[in-house]
Amino acid sequence: MAGSGNILLAFDGSAQSIKALDEAVRLAKGLKMSLIVLHVYWNEGADAYIDPKMIATEEMDVEGRIMFEKLDKRLKDSGVDYRLVSERSTDAPQTIIEMAEKKNCEMIIVGNRGVGRVRGFILGSVAEKVATGSKRSVLIVK
């Protein structure tokens, strides 16, 4: 059933990313494209020295596995061709952009967390950083 291209959905389990999931499924179905659902989780060793050999990857992304178990059934029922991908990173926007390039995605879909104007200006949001940093089209779902 998969068409010729991929859509990347950045998913974090938030209400906004659930809305983005619904939109991604709708688009992937309509365009007969594959959906890559990417969960980027925080690299625990980013702020302190931790020997990577001492940490089992399975233990580091428990949250992602739980989310993906719930998503798996929902996506199977949708009929869309999909893959679930989990990446460890200290820079979620950059990881999303790089995955879209690596998987040759036509589009990136992200949810907008609705961060306030001032805070968004100071900190920047993942959606804003992805939109400004990517060469791909980016759909921000509100």
Protein backbone atom coordinates (compact mmCIF):
# COMPACT_ATOMS: atom_id res chain seq x y z
CA MET A 1 0.00 0.00 0.00
CA ALA A 2 2.93 2.36 0.59
CA GLY A 3 3.47 5.06 -1.99
CA SER A 4 6.77 6.46 -3.04
CA GLY A 5 7.57 8.76 -0.14
CA ASN A 6 7.83 9.15 3.60
CA ILE A 7 6.33 11.56 6.09
CA LEU A 8 8.16 12.03 9.40
CA LEU A 9 6.07 12.64 12.51
CA ALA A 10 7.87 13.91 15.60
CA PHE A 11 5.94 12.37 18.50
CA ASP A 12 6.33 12.96 22.24
CA GLY A 13 3.03 11.69 23.62
CA SER A 14 1.63 15.16 24.33
CA ALA A 15 -1.91 16.20 23.39
CA GLN A 16 -0.45 18.27 20.55
CA SER A 17 1.48 15.32 19.18
CA ILE A 18 -1.71 13.19 19.27
CA LYS A 19 -3.38 15.85 17.10
CA ALA A 20 -0.31 15.80 14.84
CA LEU A 21 -0.57 11.99 14.67
CA ASP A 22 -4.16 12.21 13.44
CA GLU A 23 -3.14 14.71 10.76
CA ALA A 24 -0.11 12.61 9.76
CA VAL A 25 -2.26 9.49 9.36
CA ARG A 26 -4.80 11.44 7.29
CA LEU A 27 -2.08 12.80 4.99
CA ALA A 28 -0.16 9.52 4.72
CA LYS A 29 -3.38 7.72 3.77
CA GLY A 30 -4.45 10.33 1.26
CA LEU A 31 -1.03 10.58 -0.37
CA LYS A 32 -0.33 6.82 -0.08
CA MET A 33 2.92 7.53 1.76
CA SER A 34 4.70 5.75 4.59
CA LEU A 35 4.74 7.30 8.05
CA ILE A 36 7.87 7.35 10.19
CA VAL A 37 7.00 8.14 13.82
CA LEU A 38 10.04 9.50 15.64
CA HIS A 39 10.30 9.80 19.40
CA VAL A 40 13.37 11.72 20.55
CA TYR A 41 14.25 11.20 24.17
CA TRP A 42 16.74 13.02 26.37
CA ASN A 43 20.25 11.64 26.56
CA GLU A 44 20.65 11.02 30.30
CA GLY A 45 24.42 11.34 30.05
CA ALA A 46 24.37 14.80 28.54
CA ASP A 47 25.02 16.72 31.74
CA ALA A 48 27.11 14.24 33.70
CA TYR A 49 29.69 11.65 32.81
CA ILE A 50 28.07 8.26 32.49
CA ASP A 51 29.84 5.36 30.83
CA PRO A 52 27.51 4.39 27.94
CA LYS A 53 28.46 0.73 28.41
CA MET A 54 26.93 0.86 31.88
CA ILE A 55 23.48 1.91 30.66
CA ALA A 56 21.20 -0.48 28.82
CA THR A 57 19.40 1.32 26.01
CA GLU A 58 16.22 -0.61 26.87
CA GLU A 59 16.20 1.04 30.29
CA MET A 60 16.74 4.53 28.95
CA ASP A 61 13.65 4.75 26.76
CA VAL A 62 10.94 3.11 28.82
CA GLU A 63 8.66 6.08 28.13
CA GLY A 64 9.12 5.64 24.37
CA ARG A 65 8.35 1.93 24.51
CA ILE A 66 5.14 2.53 26.45
CA MET A 67 4.07 5.22 23.97
CA PHE A 68 4.90 3.01 21.01
CA GLU A 69 2.91 0.07 22.41
CA LYS A 70 -0.17 2.33 22.48
CA LEU A 71 0.59 3.79 19.06
CA ASP A 72 1.23 0.43 17.44
CA LYS A 73 -2.39 -0.73 17.72
CA ARG A 74 -3.76 2.65 16.67
CA LEU A 75 -1.51 2.77 13.61
CA LYS A 76 -2.22 -0.88 12.66
CA ASP A 77 -5.93 -0.07 12.71
CA SER A 78 -5.36 2.99 10.48
CA GLY A 79 -4.08 0.91 7.56
CA VAL A 80 -1.10 3.24 7.05
CA ASP A 81 2.37 1.80 6.37
CA TYR A 82 4.47 2.97 9.32
CA ARG A 83 7.69 2.56 11.28
CA LEU A 84 8.32 3.54 14.89
CA VAL A 85 11.76 4.99 15.60
CA SER A 86 13.25 6.11 18.91
CA GLU A 87 16.43 8.20 19.10
CA ARG A 88 18.46 9.39 22.08
CA SER A 89 19.63 12.99 21.78
CA THR A 90 20.35 16.25 23.56
CA ASP A 91 19.06 18.25 20.56
CA ALA A 92 15.57 17.11 19.54
CA PRO A 93 15.09 19.60 16.65
CA GLN A 94 18.41 18.64 15.06
CA THR A 95 17.67 14.94 15.47
CA ILE A 96 14.27 15.39 13.80
CA ILE A 97 15.83 17.30 10.90
CA GLU A 98 18.60 14.73 10.45
CA MET A 99 16.16 11.80 10.52
CA ALA A 100 14.00 13.47 7.86
CA GLU A 101 17.10 13.84 5.66
CA LYS A 102 18.34 10.32 6.35
CA LYS A 103 14.93 8.74 5.55
CA ASN A 104 14.37 11.09 2.57
CA CYS A 105 11.07 12.36 3.96
CA GLU A 106 8.90 14.65 1.87
CA MET A 107 7.54 16.39 4.95
CA ILE A 108 7.95 16.72 8.72
CA ILE A 109 4.90 17.00 10.96
CA VAL A 110 5.22 18.34 14.51
CA GLY A 111 2.77 19.44 17.16
CA ASN A 112 2.93 22.97 18.50
CA ARG A 113 3.13 23.03 22.28
CA GLY A 114 1.70 26.55 22.40
CA VAL A 115 4.63 28.03 24.29
CA GLY A 116 4.01 31.70 25.11
CA ARG A 117 5.43 34.39 22.89
CA VAL A 118 8.10 35.68 25.27
CA ARG A 119 9.22 32.23 26.40
CA GLY A 120 9.18 31.00 22.80
CA PHE A 121 11.33 33.96 21.78
CA ILE A 122 13.90 33.28 24.49
CA LEU A 123 13.99 29.48 24.42
CA GLY A 124 12.62 28.70 20.98
CA SER A 125 10.31 25.74 20.51
CA VAL A 126 11.07 22.40 18.90
CA ALA A 127 8.50 23.13 16.18
CA GLU A 128 9.98 26.55 15.43
CA LYS A 129 13.56 25.21 15.31
CA VAL A 130 12.54 22.35 13.02
CA ALA A 131 10.61 24.72 10.74
CA THR A 132 13.49 27.17 10.43
CA GLY A 133 16.28 24.58 10.30
CA SER A 134 14.88 22.03 7.87
CA LYS A 135 15.10 22.03 4.08
CA ARG A 136 11.94 19.88 4.11
CA SER A 137 8.38 21.19 4.29
CA VAL A 138 7.18 21.33 7.90
CA LEU A 139 3.58 21.15 9.03
CA ILE A 140 3.00 22.47 12.55
CA VAL A 141 -0.28 21.16 13.96
CA LYS A 142 -2.06 23.27 16.57
